Amino acid sequence: MQDEPSGAALLDAARRSLIEEVIPGLTGRPRYVALMVANAIGIAAREIAETDALQAASERVLAGAPVEALVQAIRAGTRDADPDLHAALTEAAEAAAQVWKPGVAKG
């Protein structure tokens, strides 16, 4: 059970307040720093909101294998023609893109 509002929603509200009420009154370096903080808050909020999707994508990529085994298989080229791995990696990349670059069209 999660309390409402969620941590992601609280971070989003803090980000919006910073952008709408604080940043317009700033100039120069303080404005730049505040914009960086707002961006970091946005990334953290999206990461929290996408936790389940990111975890599910990671589990599909690994399929129960240790990450080191997957890395070795990819480096050795033994899974180059694996459509399931390709689909899982694409899904994982799209989930990560929604955290870091929201609104970017899926390929």
PDB file of N, CA and C in Angstrom:
ATOM      1  N   MET A   1       0.847  -1.182   0.000  1.00  0.00           N
ATOM      2  CA  MET A   1       0.000   0.000   0.000  1.00  0.00           C
ATOM      3  C   MET A   1       0.889   1.240   0.000  1.00  0.00           C
ATOM      4  N   GLN A   2       0.553   2.146  -0.895  1.00  0.00           N
ATOM      5  CA  GLN A   2       1.335   3.370  -1.016  1.00  0.00           C
ATOM      6  C   GLN A   2       0.514   4.554  -0.533  1.00  0.00           C
ATOM      7  N   ASP A   3       1.151   5.423   0.258  1.00  0.00           N
ATOM      8  CA  ASP A   3       0.472   6.627   0.711  1.00  0.00           C
ATOM      9  C   ASP A   3       0.277   7.575  -0.455  1.00  0.00           C
ATOM     10  N   GLU A   4      -0.787   8.350  -0.385  1.00  0.00           N
ATOM     11  CA  GLU A   4      -1.058   9.358  -1.415  1.00  0.00           C
ATOM     12  C   GLU A   4      -0.903  10.741  -0.820  1.00  0.00           C
ATOM     13  N   PRO A   5      -0.318  11.685  -1.498  1.00  0.00           N
ATOM     14  CA  PRO A   5       0.272  11.535  -2.822  1.00  0.00           C
ATOM     15  C   PRO A   5       1.566  10.741  -2.758  1.00  0.00           C
ATOM     16  N   SER A   6       1.895  10.123  -3.870  1.00  0.00           N
ATOM     17  CA  SER A   6       3.105   9.313  -3.943  1.00  0.00           C
ATOM     18  C   SER A   6       4.350  10.191  -3.914  1.00  0.00           C
ATOM     19  N   GLY A   7       5.486   9.565  -3.687  1.00  0.00           N
ATOM     20  CA  GLY A   7       6.748  10.302  -3.708  1.00  0.00           C
ATOM     21  C   GLY A   7       6.980  10.963  -5.053  1.00  0.00           C
ATOM     22  N   ALA A   8       6.639  10.263  -6.128  1.00  0.00           N
ATOM     23  CA  ALA A   8       6.796  10.824  -7.475  1.00  0.00           C
ATOM     24  C   ALA A   8       5.908  12.053  -7.655  1.00  0.00           C
ATOM     25  N   ALA A   9       4.675  11.989  -7.129  1.00  0.00           N
ATOM     26  CA  ALA A   9       3.759  13.129  -7.258  1.00  0.00           C
ATOM     27  C   ALA A   9       4.260  14.327  -6.444  1.00  0.00           C
ATOM     28  N   LEU A  10       4.823  14.055  -5.266  1.00  0.00           N
ATOM     29  CA  LEU A  10       5.377  15.149  -4.447  1.00  0.00           C
ATOM     30  C   LEU A  10       6.571  15.805  -5.147  1.00  0.00           C
ATOM     31  N   LEU A  11       7.437  14.986  -5.719  1.00  0.00           N
ATOM     32  CA  LEU A  11       8.580  15.538  -6.450  1.00  0.00           C
ATOM     33  C   LEU A  11       8.111  16.363  -7.644  1.00  0.00           C
ATOM     34  N   ASP A  12       7.085  15.877  -8.337  1.00  0.00           N
ATOM     35  CA  ASP A  12       6.557  16.608  -9.486  1.00  0.00           C
ATOM     36  C   ASP A  12       5.974  17.956  -9.057  1.00  0.00           C
ATOM     37  N   ALA A  13       5.263  17.976  -7.927  1.00  0.00           N
ATOM     38  CA  ALA A  13       4.704  19.238  -7.428  1.00  0.00           C
ATOM     39  C   ALA A  13       5.822  20.204  -7.034  1.00  0.00           C
ATOM     40  N   ALA A  14       6.874  19.687  -6.406  1.00  0.00           N
ATOM     41  CA  ALA A  14       8.016  20.533  -6.035  1.00  0.00           C
ATOM     42  C   ALA A  14       8.692  21.097  -7.283  1.00  0.00           C
ATOM     43  N   ARG A  15       8.838  20.251  -8.294  1.00  0.00           N
ATOM     44  CA  ARG A  15       9.457  20.694  -9.556  1.00  0.00           C
ATOM     45  C   ARG A  15       8.629  21.788 -10.214  1.00  0.00           C
ATOM     46  N   ARG A  16       7.315  21.577 -10.280  1.00  0.00           N
ATOM     47  CA  ARG A  16       6.450  22.582 -10.907  1.00  0.00           C
ATOM     48  C   ARG A  16       6.504  23.907 -10.147  1.00  0.00           C
ATOM     49  N   SER A  17       6.513  23.859  -8.814  1.00  0.00           N
ATOM     50  CA  SER A  17       6.601  25.086  -8.016  1.00  0.00           C
ATOM     51  C   SER A  17       7.914  25.808  -8.283  1.00  0.00           C
ATOM     52  N   LEU A  18       8.993  25.045  -8.352  1.00  0.00           N
ATOM     53  CA  LEU A  18      10.306  25.637  -8.630  1.00  0.00           C
ATOM     54  C   LEU A  18      10.300  26.323  -9.997  1.00  0.00           C
ATOM     55  N   ILE A  19       9.769  25.643 -11.002  1.00  0.00           N
ATOM     56  CA  ILE A  19       9.762  26.178 -12.367  1.00  0.00           C
ATOM     57  C   ILE A  19       8.820  27.369 -12.510  1.00  0.00           C
ATOM     58  N   GLU A  20       7.648  27.270 -11.905  1.00  0.00           N
ATOM     59  CA  GLU A  20       6.624  28.304 -12.111  1.00  0.00           C
ATOM     60  C   GLU A  20       6.764  29.498 -11.166  1.00  0.00           C
ATOM     61  N   GLU A  21       7.297  29.287  -9.954  1.00  0.00           N
ATOM     62  CA  GLU A  21       7.286  30.364  -8.969  1.00  0.00           C
ATOM     63  C   GLU A  21       8.659  30.898  -8.594  1.00  0.00           C
ATOM     64  N   VAL A  22       9.690  30.086  -8.681  1.00  0.00           N
ATOM     65  CA  VAL A  22      11.013  30.518  -8.224  1.00  0.00           C
ATOM     66  C   VAL A  22      11.908  30.920  -9.399  1.00  0.00           C
ATOM     67  N   ILE A  23      12.020  30.059 -10.375  1.00  0.00           N
ATOM     68  CA  ILE A  23      12.965  30.272 -11.475  1.00  0.00           C
ATOM     69  C   ILE A  23      12.687  31.559 -12.257  1.00  0.00           C
ATOM     70  N   PRO A  24      11.431  31.933 -12.506  1.00  0.00           N
ATOM     71  CA  PRO A  24      11.210  33.179 -13.260  1.00  0.00           C
ATOM     72  C   PRO A  24      11.834  34.413 -12.592  1.00  0.00           C
ATOM     73  N   GLY A  25      12.043  34.381 -11.286  1.00  0.00           N
ATOM     74  CA  GLY A  25      12.636  35.529 -10.593  1.00  0.00           C
ATOM     75  C   GLY A  25      14.151  35.474 -10.497  1.00  0.00           C
ATOM     76  N   LEU A  26      14.756  34.454 -11.053  1.00  0.00           N
ATOM     77  CA  LEU A  26      16.210  34.288 -10.969  1.00  0.00           C
ATOM     78  C   LEU A  26      16.877  34.663 -12.282  1.00  0.00           C
ATOM     79  N   THR A  27      18.129  35.045 -12.183  1.00  0.00           N
ATOM     80  CA  THR A  27      18.936  35.316 -13.374  1.00  0.00           C
ATOM     81  C   THR A  27      20.322  34.715 -13.165  1.00  0.00           C
ATOM     82  N   GLY A  28      21.059  34.602 -14.249  1.00  0.00           N
ATOM     83  CA  GLY A  28      22.452  34.175 -14.171  1.00  0.00           C
ATOM     84  C   GLY A  28      22.630  32.785 -13.598  1.00  0.00           C
ATOM     85  N   ARG A  29      23.704  32.621 -12.833  1.00  0.00           N
ATOM     86  CA  ARG A  29      24.049  31.303 -12.298  1.00  0.00           C
ATOM     87  C   ARG A  29      22.969  30.734 -11.382  1.00  0.00           C
ATOM     88  N   PRO A  30      22.361  31.520 -10.495  1.00  0.00           N
ATOM     89  CA  PRO A  30      21.286  30.942  -9.676  1.00  0.00           C
ATOM     90  C   PRO A  30      20.160  30.346 -10.521  1.00  0.00           C
ATOM     91  N   ARG A  31      19.825  30.989 -11.642  1.00  0.00           N
ATOM     92  CA  ARG A  31      18.791  30.446 -12.539  1.00  0.00           C
ATOM     93  C   ARG A  31      19.260  29.132 -13.150  1.00  0.00           C
ATOM     94  N   TYR A  32      20.521  29.092 -13.582  1.00  0.00           N
ATOM     95  CA  TYR A  32      21.073  27.876 -14.178  1.00  0.00           C
ATOM     96  C   TYR A  32      21.043  26.732 -13.166  1.00  0.00           C
ATOM     97  N   VAL A  33      21.463  27.002 -11.940  1.00  0.00           N
ATOM     98  CA  VAL A  33      21.481  25.965 -10.899  1.00  0.00           C
ATOM     99  C   VAL A  33      20.056  25.500 -10.596  1.00  0.00           C
ATOM    100  N   ALA A  34      19.128  26.422 -10.502  1.00  0.00           N
ATOM    101  CA  ALA A  34      17.740  26.047 -10.212  1.00  0.00           C
ATOM    102  C   ALA A  34      17.154  25.198 -11.334  1.00  0.00           C
ATOM    103  N   LEU A  35      17.485  25.515 -12.586  1.00  0.00           N
ATOM    104  CA  LEU A  35      17.020  24.705 -13.722  1.00  0.00           C
ATOM    105  C   LEU A  35      17.610  23.296 -13.666  1.00  0.00           C
ATOM    106  N   MET A  36      18.897  23.189 -13.265  1.00  0.00           N
ATOM    107  CA  MET A  36      19.509  21.855 -13.122  1.00  0.00           C
ATOM    108  C   MET A  36      18.801  21.068 -12.025  1.00  0.00           C
ATOM    109  N   VAL A  37      18.490  21.726 -10.919  1.00  0.00           N
ATOM    110  CA  VAL A  37      17.798  21.060  -9.810  1.00  0.00           C
ATOM    111  C   VAL A  37      16.408  20.609 -10.264  1.00  0.00           C
ATOM    112  N   ALA A  38      15.701  21.462 -10.991  1.00  0.00           N
ATOM    113  CA  ALA A  38      14.373  21.097 -11.498  1.00  0.00           C
ATOM    114  C   ALA A  38      14.458  19.899 -12.423  1.00  0.00           C
ATOM    115  N   ASN A  39      15.476  19.865 -13.272  1.00  0.00           N
ATOM    116  CA  ASN A  39      15.650  18.728 -14.181  1.00  0.00           C
ATOM    117  C   ASN A  39      15.950  17.448 -13.391  1.00  0.00           C
ATOM    118  N   ALA A  40      16.806  17.539 -12.393  1.00  0.00           N
ATOM    119  CA  ALA A  40      17.141  16.372 -11.572  1.00  0.00           C
ATOM    120  C   ALA A  40      15.911  15.856 -10.818  1.00  0.00           C
ATOM    121  N   ILE A  41      15.119  16.770 -10.312  1.00  0.00           N
ATOM    122  CA  ILE A  41      13.888  16.369  -9.618  1.00  0.00           C
ATOM    123  C   ILE A  41      12.951  15.647 -10.598  1.00  0.00           C
ATOM    124  N   GLY A  42      12.849  16.155 -11.815  1.00  0.00           N
ATOM    125  CA  GLY A  42      11.995  15.526 -12.821  1.00  0.00           C
ATOM    126  C   GLY A  42      12.454  14.118 -13.152  1.00  0.00           C
ATOM    127  N   ILE A  43      13.766  13.947 -13.297  1.00  0.00           N
ATOM    128  CA  ILE A  43      14.308  12.609 -13.592  1.00  0.00           C
ATOM    129  C   ILE A  43      14.011  11.667 -12.435  1.00  0.00           C
ATOM    130  N   ALA A  44      14.238  12.118 -11.203  1.00  0.00           N
ATOM    131  CA  ALA A  44      13.984  11.269 -10.032  1.00  0.00           C
ATOM    132  C   ALA A  44      12.509  10.896  -9.938  1.00  0.00           C
ATOM    133  N   ALA A  45      11.620  11.852 -10.189  1.00  0.00           N
ATOM    134  CA  ALA A  45      10.180  11.574 -10.127  1.00  0.00           C
ATOM    135  C   ALA A  45       9.776  10.548 -11.182  1.00  0.00           C
ATOM    136  N   ARG A  46      10.293  10.714 -12.407  1.00  0.00           N
ATOM    137  CA  ARG A  46       9.955   9.751 -13.471  1.00  0.00           C
ATOM    138  C   ARG A  46      10.546   8.378 -13.173  1.00  0.00           C
ATOM    139  N   GLU A  47      11.735   8.356 -12.595  1.00  0.00           N
ATOM    140  CA  GLU A  47      12.355   7.068 -12.262  1.00  0.00           C
ATOM    141  C   GLU A  47      11.528   6.338 -11.216  1.00  0.00           C
ATOM    142  N   ILE A  48      11.055   7.066 -10.217  1.00  0.00           N
ATOM    143  CA  ILE A  48      10.196   6.458  -9.188  1.00  0.00           C
ATOM    144  C   ILE A  48       8.906   5.950  -9.834  1.00  0.00           C
ATOM    145  N   ALA A  49       8.309   6.776 -10.692  1.00  0.00           N
ATOM    146  CA  ALA A  49       7.042   6.400 -11.328  1.00  0.00           C
ATOM    147  C   ALA A  49       7.209   5.201 -12.263  1.00  0.00           C
ATOM    148  N   GLU A  50       8.376   5.046 -12.845  1.00  0.00           N
ATOM    149  CA  GLU A  50       8.620   3.970 -13.822  1.00  0.00           C
ATOM    150  C   GLU A  50       9.338   2.771 -13.213  1.00  0.00           C
ATOM    151  N   THR A  51       9.451   2.726 -11.898  1.00  0.00           N
ATOM    152  CA  THR A  51      10.196   1.652 -11.241  1.00  0.00           C
ATOM    153  C   THR A  51       9.733   0.278 -11.690  1.00  0.00           C
ATOM    154  N   ASP A  52       8.443   0.038 -11.694  1.00  0.00           N
ATOM    155  CA  ASP A  52       7.926  -1.281 -12.071  1.00  0.00           C
ATOM    156  C   ASP A  52       8.276  -1.631 -13.516  1.00  0.00           C
ATOM    157  N   ALA A  53       8.124  -0.671 -14.423  1.00  0.00           N
ATOM    158  CA  ALA A  53       8.431  -0.920 -15.830  1.00  0.00           C
ATOM    159  C   ALA A  53       9.922  -1.177 -16.024  1.00  0.00           C
ATOM    160  N   LEU A  54      10.757  -0.396 -15.319  1.00  0.00           N
ATOM    161  CA  LEU A  54      12.202  -0.582 -15.437  1.00  0.00           C
ATOM    162  C   LEU A  54      12.625  -1.942 -14.900  1.00  0.00           C
ATOM    163  N   GLN A  55      12.040  -2.328 -13.767  1.00  0.00           N
ATOM    164  CA  GLN A  55      12.366  -3.617 -13.165  1.00  0.00           C
ATOM    165  C   GLN A  55      11.917  -4.763 -14.065  1.00  0.00           C
ATOM    166  N   ALA A  56      10.706  -4.652 -14.598  1.00  0.00           N
ATOM    167  CA  ALA A  56      10.189  -5.709 -15.479  1.00  0.00           C
ATOM    168  C   ALA A  56      11.050  -5.833 -16.734  1.00  0.00           C
ATOM    169  N   ALA A  57      11.448  -4.712 -17.299  1.00  0.00           N
ATOM    170  CA  ALA A  57      12.290  -4.745 -18.493  1.00  0.00           C
ATOM    171  C   ALA A  57      13.638  -5.375 -18.184  1.00  0.00           C
ATOM    172  N   SER A  58      14.196  -5.026 -17.049  1.00  0.00           N
ATOM    173  CA  SER A  58      15.485  -5.604 -16.648  1.00  0.00           C
ATOM    174  C   SER A  58      15.372  -7.112 -16.462  1.00  0.00           C
ATOM    175  N   GLU A  59      14.297  -7.562 -15.838  1.00  0.00           N
ATOM    176  CA  GLU A  59      14.103  -9.001 -15.626  1.00  0.00           C
ATOM    177  C   GLU A  59      13.948  -9.743 -16.945  1.00  0.00           C
ATOM    178  N   ARG A  60      13.259  -9.123 -17.922  1.00  0.00           N
ATOM    179  CA  ARG A  60      13.096  -9.773 -19.228  1.00  0.00           C
ATOM    180  C   ARG A  60      14.431  -9.853 -19.968  1.00  0.00           C
ATOM    181  N   VAL A  61      15.264  -8.817 -19.841  1.00  0.00           N
ATOM    182  CA  VAL A  61      16.571  -8.831 -20.504  1.00  0.00           C
ATOM    183  C   VAL A  61      17.426  -9.949 -19.919  1.00  0.00           C
ATOM    184  N   LEU A  62      17.466 -10.043 -18.608  1.00  0.00           N
ATOM    185  CA  LEU A  62      18.343 -11.015 -17.959  1.00  0.00           C
ATOM    186  C   LEU A  62      17.772 -12.426 -17.995  1.00  0.00           C
ATOM    187  N   ALA A  63      16.462 -12.549 -17.978  1.00  0.00           N
ATOM    188  CA  ALA A  63      15.789 -13.854 -18.016  1.00  0.00           C
ATOM    189  C   ALA A  63      16.380 -14.817 -16.991  1.00  0.00           C
ATOM    190  N   GLY A  64      16.666 -14.333 -15.811  1.00  0.00           N
ATOM    191  CA  GLY A  64      17.155 -15.181 -14.731  1.00  0.00           C
ATOM    192  C   GLY A  64      18.652 -15.422 -14.730  1.00  0.00           C
ATOM    193  N   ALA A  65      19.343 -14.963 -15.756  1.00  0.00           N
ATOM    194  CA  ALA A  65      20.789 -15.167 -15.820  1.00  0.00           C
ATOM    195  C   ALA A  65      21.510 -14.009 -15.136  1.00  0.00           C
ATOM    196  N   PRO A  66      22.692 -14.259 -14.605  1.00  0.00           N
ATOM    197  CA  PRO A  66      23.470 -13.148 -14.053  1.00  0.00           C
ATOM    198  C   PRO A  66      23.875 -12.186 -15.165  1.00  0.00           C
ATOM    199  N   VAL A  67      23.952 -10.919 -14.855  1.00  0.00           N
ATOM    200  CA  VAL A  67      24.279  -9.908 -15.862  1.00  0.00           C
ATOM    201  C   VAL A  67      25.622 -10.195 -16.523  1.00  0.00           C
ATOM    202  N   GLU A  68      26.571 -10.739 -15.762  1.00  0.00           N
ATOM    203  CA  GLU A  68      27.892 -11.035 -16.325  1.00  0.00           C
ATOM    204  C   GLU A  68      27.784 -12.071 -17.453  1.00  0.00           C
ATOM    205  N   ALA A  69      26.896 -13.052 -17.282  1.00  0.00           N
ATOM    206  CA  ALA A  69      26.717 -14.079 -18.316  1.00  0.00           C
ATOM    207  C   ALA A  69      26.136 -13.472 -19.583  1.00  0.00           C
ATOM    208  N   LEU A  70      25.186 -12.550 -19.429  1.00  0.00           N
ATOM    209  CA  LEU A  70      24.597 -11.880 -20.593  1.00  0.00           C
ATOM    210  C   LEU A  70      25.639 -11.033 -21.308  1.00  0.00           C
ATOM    211  N   VAL A  71      26.433 -10.297 -20.533  1.00  0.00           N
ATOM    212  CA  VAL A  71      27.489  -9.460 -21.127  1.00  0.00           C
ATOM    213  C   VAL A  71      28.459 -10.331 -21.926  1.00  0.00           C
ATOM    214  N   GLN A  72      28.877 -11.452 -21.358  1.00  0.00           N
ATOM    215  CA  GLN A  72      29.807 -12.337 -22.064  1.00  0.00           C
ATOM    216  C   GLN A  72      29.177 -12.890 -23.340  1.00  0.00           C
ATOM    217  N   ALA A  73      27.906 -13.268 -23.269  1.00  0.00           N
ATOM    218  CA  ALA A  73      27.228 -13.807 -24.451  1.00  0.00           C
ATOM    219  C   ALA A  73      27.122 -12.754 -25.550  1.00  0.00           C
ATOM    220  N   ILE A  74      26.804 -11.522 -25.157  1.00  0.00           N
ATOM    221  CA  ILE A  74      26.698 -10.443 -26.150  1.00  0.00           C
ATOM    222  C   ILE A  74      28.063 -10.160 -26.760  1.00  0.00           C
ATOM    223  N   ARG A  75      29.089 -10.088 -25.929  1.00  0.00           N
ATOM    224  CA  ARG A  75      30.446  -9.825 -26.440  1.00  0.00           C
ATOM    225  C   ARG A  75      30.928 -10.942 -27.356  1.00  0.00           C
ATOM    226  N   ALA A  76      30.535 -12.155 -27.048  1.00  0.00           N
ATOM    227  CA  ALA A  76      30.965 -13.299 -27.864  1.00  0.00           C
ATOM    228  C   ALA A  76      30.125 -13.432 -29.136  1.00  0.00           C
ATOM    229  N   GLY A  77      29.011 -12.696 -29.184  1.00  0.00           N
ATOM    230  CA  GLY A  77      28.159 -12.751 -30.372  1.00  0.00           C
ATOM    231  C   GLY A  77      27.243 -13.959 -30.421  1.00  0.00           C
ATOM    232  N   THR A  78      27.142 -14.687 -29.305  1.00  0.00           N
ATOM    233  CA  THR A  78      26.329 -15.904 -29.310  1.00  0.00           C
ATOM    234  C   THR A  78      24.828 -15.621 -29.273  1.00  0.00           C
ATOM    235  N   ARG A  79      24.446 -14.365 -29.013  1.00  0.00           N
ATOM    236  CA  ARG A  79      23.011 -14.042 -28.975  1.00  0.00           C
ATOM    237  C   ARG A  79      22.659 -12.974 -29.999  1.00  0.00           C
ATOM    238  N   ASP A  80      23.515 -12.819 -31.000  1.00  0.00           N
ATOM    239  CA  ASP A  80      23.293 -11.785 -32.021  1.00  0.00           C
ATOM    240  C   ASP A  80      21.966 -11.954 -32.756  1.00  0.00           C
ATOM    241  N   ALA A  81      21.522 -13.166 -32.963  1.00  0.00           N
ATOM    242  CA  ALA A  81      20.290 -13.417 -33.726  1.00  0.00           C
ATOM    243  C   ALA A  81      19.133 -13.801 -32.820  1.00  0.00           C
ATOM    244  N   ASP A  82      19.195 -13.392 -31.557  1.00  0.00           N
ATOM    245  CA  ASP A  82      18.157 -13.747 -30.576  1.00  0.00           C
ATOM    246  C   ASP A  82      17.059 -12.672 -30.583  1.00  0.00           C
ATOM    247  N   PRO A  83      15.917 -12.954 -31.236  1.00  0.00           N
ATOM    248  CA  PRO A  83      14.874 -11.925 -31.320  1.00  0.00           C
ATOM    249  C   PRO A  83      14.262 -11.588 -29.949  1.00  0.00           C
ATOM    250  N   ASP A  84      14.218 -12.556 -29.040  1.00  0.00           N
ATOM    251  CA  ASP A  84      13.673 -12.277 -27.708  1.00  0.00           C
ATOM    252  C   ASP A  84      14.571 -11.300 -26.952  1.00  0.00           C
ATOM    253  N   LEU A  85      15.886 -11.509 -27.055  1.00  0.00           N
ATOM    254  CA  LEU A  85      16.813 -10.584 -26.391  1.00  0.00           C
ATOM    255  C   LEU A  85      16.722  -9.209 -27.032  1.00  0.00           C
ATOM    256  N   HIS A  86      16.646  -9.149 -28.363  1.00  0.00           N
ATOM    257  CA  HIS A  86      16.530  -7.863 -29.050  1.00  0.00           C
ATOM    258  C   HIS A  86      15.275  -7.122 -28.587  1.00  0.00           C
ATOM    259  N   ALA A  87      14.159  -7.829 -28.505  1.00  0.00           N
ATOM    260  CA  ALA A  87      12.904  -7.201 -28.068  1.00  0.00           C
ATOM    261  C   ALA A  87      13.002  -6.736 -26.625  1.00  0.00           C
ATOM    262  N   ALA A  88      13.628  -7.555 -25.767  1.00  0.00           N
ATOM    263  CA  ALA A  88      13.754  -7.183 -24.353  1.00  0.00           C
ATOM    264  C   ALA A  88      14.676  -5.979 -24.188  1.00  0.00           C
ATOM    265  N   LEU A  89      15.777  -5.942 -24.946  1.00  0.00           N
ATOM    266  CA  LEU A  89      16.689  -4.790 -24.861  1.00  0.00           C
ATOM    267  C   LEU A  89      16.022  -3.527 -25.391  1.00  0.00           C
ATOM    268  N   THR A  90      15.232  -3.648 -26.452  1.00  0.00           N
ATOM    269  CA  THR A  90      14.506  -2.492 -26.980  1.00  0.00           C
ATOM    270  C   THR A  90      13.516  -1.970 -25.952  1.00  0.00           C
ATOM    271  N   GLU A  91      12.799  -2.884 -25.306  1.00  0.00           N
ATOM    272  CA  GLU A  91      11.843  -2.490 -24.265  1.00  0.00           C
ATOM    273  C   GLU A  91      12.550  -1.795 -23.107  1.00  0.00           C
ATOM    274  N   ALA A  92      13.696  -2.338 -22.698  1.00  0.00           N
ATOM    275  CA  ALA A  92      14.456  -1.735 -21.596  1.00  0.00           C
ATOM    276  C   ALA A  92      14.954  -0.347 -21.976  1.00  0.00           C
ATOM    277  N   ALA A  93      15.431  -0.191 -23.202  1.00  0.00           N
ATOM    278  CA  ALA A  93      15.923   1.113 -23.649  1.00  0.00           C
ATOM    279  C   ALA A  93      14.782   2.130 -23.716  1.00  0.00           C
ATOM    280  N   GLU A  94      13.600   1.693 -24.171  1.00  0.00           N
ATOM    281  CA  GLU A  94      12.459   2.610 -24.237  1.00  0.00           C
ATOM    282  C   GLU A  94      11.990   3.010 -22.839  1.00  0.00           C
ATOM    283  N   ALA A  95      12.017   2.078 -21.886  1.00  0.00           N
ATOM    284  CA  ALA A  95      11.634   2.414 -20.499  1.00  0.00           C
ATOM    285  C   ALA A  95      12.627   3.413 -19.916  1.00  0.00           C
ATOM    286  N   ALA A  96      13.911   3.203 -20.170  1.00  0.00           N
ATOM    287  CA  ALA A  96      14.925   4.137 -19.664  1.00  0.00           C
ATOM    288  C   ALA A  96      14.797   5.499 -20.333  1.00  0.00           C
ATOM    289  N   ALA A  97      14.469   5.509 -21.628  1.00  0.00           N
ATOM    290  CA  ALA A  97      14.313   6.778 -22.348  1.00  0.00           C
ATOM    291  C   ALA A  97      13.153   7.594 -21.781  1.00  0.00           C
ATOM    292  N   GLN A  98      12.112   6.920 -21.326  1.00  0.00           N
ATOM    293  CA  GLN A  98      10.977   7.653 -20.737  1.00  0.00           C
ATOM    294  C   GLN A  98      11.361   8.340 -19.438  1.00  0.00           C
ATOM    295  N   VAL A  99      12.392   7.831 -18.770  1.00  0.00           N
ATOM    296  CA  VAL A  99      12.888   8.476 -17.553  1.00  0.00           C
ATOM    297  C   VAL A  99      13.787   9.651 -17.917  1.00  0.00           C
ATOM    298  N   TRP A 100      14.713   9.414 -18.837  1.00  0.00           N
ATOM    299  CA  TRP A 100      15.735  10.427 -19.138  1.00  0.00           C
ATOM    300  C   TRP A 100      15.306  11.411 -20.209  1.00  0.00           C
ATOM    301  N   LYS A 101      14.516  10.980 -21.169  1.00  0.00           N
ATOM    302  CA  LYS A 101      14.066  11.843 -22.279  1.00  0.00           C
ATOM    303  C   LYS A 101      12.589  11.616 -22.520  1.00  0.00           C
ATOM    304  N   PRO A 102      11.732  12.052 -21.606  1.00  0.00           N
ATOM    305  CA  PRO A 102      10.298  11.802 -21.780  1.00  0.00           C
ATOM    306  C   PRO A 102       9.770  12.494 -23.034  1.00  0.00           C
ATOM    307  N   GLY A 103       8.824  11.823 -23.669  1.00  0.00           N
ATOM    308  CA  GLY A 103       8.199  12.403 -24.842  1.00  0.00           C
ATOM    309  C   GLY A 103       8.914  12.070 -26.134  1.00  0.00           C
ATOM    310  N   VAL A 104      10.073  11.404 -26.049  1.00  0.00           N
ATOM    311  CA  VAL A 104      10.777  11.013 -27.260  1.00  0.00           C
ATOM    312  C   VAL A 104      10.006   9.865 -27.890  1.00  0.00           C
ATOM    313  N   ALA A 105       9.764   9.990 -29.179  1.00  0.00           N
ATOM    314  CA  ALA A 105       8.989   8.966 -29.882  1.00  0.00           C
ATOM    315  C   ALA A 105       9.703   7.624 -29.846  1.00  0.00           C
ATOM    316  N   LYS A 106       8.912   6.573 -29.700  1.00  0.00           N
ATOM    317  CA  LYS A 106       9.460   5.228 -29.735  1.00  0.00           C
ATOM    318  C   LYS A 106       9.793   4.872 -31.167  1.00  0.00           C
ATOM    319  N   GLY A 107      10.884   4.106 -31.327  1.00  0.00           N
ATOM    320  CA  GLY A 107      11.319   3.711 -32.666  1.00  0.00           C
ATOM    321  C   GLY A 107      10.679   2.514 -33.087  1.00  0.00           C
TER     322      GLY A 107
END
